[in-house]
Amino acid sequence: MANVIEHGGPHSGGRIVLRLRLAGETVLLSISDAGRPFDPRAATFDGPDPERGGGSGLALIASFTRIAGYARRAGRNRLLLELPLA
């Protein structure tokens, strides 16, 4: 959520919505926000940024989850992540 707030742009009165659902041996995590359009599947990872501190958020997400989908609808980013339990 820190990346959504830091990089997503102004969120005046906006909400970040998280939904969790269990589907067999997988947890589905849906994230919706009104920040700048951003499809993490198209992002590149150039390594962490030691000067700024950080820069590994997308790499961490990719190491624990599978990005199952992204869409921009009605002014909101909608990201679906799959987290295997096993």
Protein backbone atom coordinates (compact mmCIF):
# COMPACT_ATOMS: atom_id res chain seq x y z
CA MET A 1 0.00 0.00 0.00
CA ALA A 2 2.95 2.28 0.59
CA ASN A 3 3.76 2.24 -3.13
CA VAL A 4 0.19 3.11 -4.08
CA ILE A 5 0.31 6.12 -1.76
CA GLU A 6 3.85 7.18 -2.65
CA HIS A 7 3.74 6.73 -6.43
CA GLY A 8 0.05 6.77 -7.31
CA GLY A 9 -0.49 10.51 -7.15
CA PRO A 10 -3.07 12.52 -5.28
CA HIS A 11 -5.71 10.57 -3.42
CA SER A 12 -7.87 13.43 -2.22
CA GLY A 13 -10.80 11.66 -0.61
CA GLY A 14 -9.88 8.50 -2.52
CA ARG A 15 -9.98 5.03 -1.09
CA ILE A 16 -7.71 2.06 -1.53
CA VAL A 17 -9.87 -1.06 -1.52
CA LEU A 18 -8.44 -4.49 -0.65
CA ARG A 19 -10.38 -7.71 -1.03
CA LEU A 20 -9.19 -11.19 -0.07
CA ARG A 21 -10.78 -14.42 -1.21
CA LEU A 22 -9.75 -18.04 -0.80
CA ALA A 23 -9.92 -20.12 -3.99
CA GLY A 24 -8.75 -23.65 -3.28
CA GLU A 25 -5.04 -23.48 -2.41
CA THR A 26 -4.73 -19.84 -3.54
CA VAL A 27 -5.51 -16.52 -1.89
CA LEU A 28 -6.79 -13.95 -4.36
CA LEU A 29 -5.95 -10.35 -3.44
CA SER A 30 -7.75 -7.60 -5.31
CA ILE A 31 -6.45 -4.02 -4.96
CA SER A 32 -8.29 -1.00 -6.32
CA ASP A 33 -7.13 2.63 -6.20
CA ALA A 34 -7.76 5.93 -7.96
CA GLY A 35 -4.09 6.79 -8.49
CA ARG A 36 -2.25 7.25 -11.77
CA PRO A 37 -2.78 4.42 -14.28
CA PHE A 38 -0.10 1.79 -13.67
CA ASP A 39 0.08 -1.75 -14.99
CA PRO A 40 2.81 -3.52 -12.98
CA ARG A 41 3.11 -6.23 -15.66
CA ALA A 42 4.66 -3.63 -18.00
CA ALA A 43 7.11 -2.23 -15.42
CA THR A 44 10.82 -2.95 -15.54
CA PHE A 45 12.99 -3.59 -12.50
CA ASP A 46 16.43 -1.98 -12.55
CA GLY A 47 17.34 -3.05 -9.02
CA PRO A 48 16.99 -1.26 -5.69
CA ASP A 49 17.82 2.41 -5.33
CA PRO A 50 20.23 2.69 -2.37
CA GLU A 51 20.29 6.51 -2.53
CA ARG A 52 16.54 6.86 -2.18
CA GLY A 53 16.02 3.68 -0.22
CA GLY A 54 13.62 1.25 -1.75
CA GLY A 55 12.93 0.36 -5.33
CA SER A 56 12.26 -3.31 -4.70
CA GLY A 57 8.49 -3.25 -4.22
CA LEU A 58 7.54 -4.79 -7.55
CA ALA A 59 10.28 -7.41 -7.30
CA LEU A 60 8.98 -8.42 -3.86
CA ILE A 61 5.43 -8.68 -5.15
CA ALA A 62 6.60 -10.82 -8.08
CA SER A 63 8.53 -13.13 -5.75
CA PHE A 64 5.49 -13.94 -3.57
CA THR A 65 2.58 -13.63 -5.98
CA ARG A 66 1.45 -14.01 -9.56
CA ILE A 67 -0.08 -10.95 -11.18
CA ALA A 68 -3.31 -12.46 -12.49
CA GLY A 69 -4.72 -9.31 -14.02
CA TYR A 70 -4.79 -5.55 -14.29
CA ALA A 71 -7.44 -3.19 -15.64
CA ARG A 72 -8.16 0.53 -15.52
CA ARG A 73 -11.91 1.06 -15.19
CA ALA A 74 -13.97 4.04 -14.11
CA GLY A 75 -10.84 5.99 -13.15
CA ARG A 76 -9.47 3.22 -10.93
CA ASN A 77 -6.59 0.78 -11.14
CA ARG A 78 -7.71 -2.78 -10.46
CA LEU A 79 -5.00 -5.32 -9.74
CA LEU A 80 -5.55 -9.01 -9.04
CA LEU A 81 -2.78 -11.00 -7.34
CA GLU A 82 -2.67 -14.73 -6.66
CA LEU A 83 -0.82 -15.97 -3.57
CA PRO A 84 -0.32 -19.75 -3.46
CA LEU A 85 -0.72 -21.28 0.00
CA ALA A 86 1.48 -24.29 -0.67
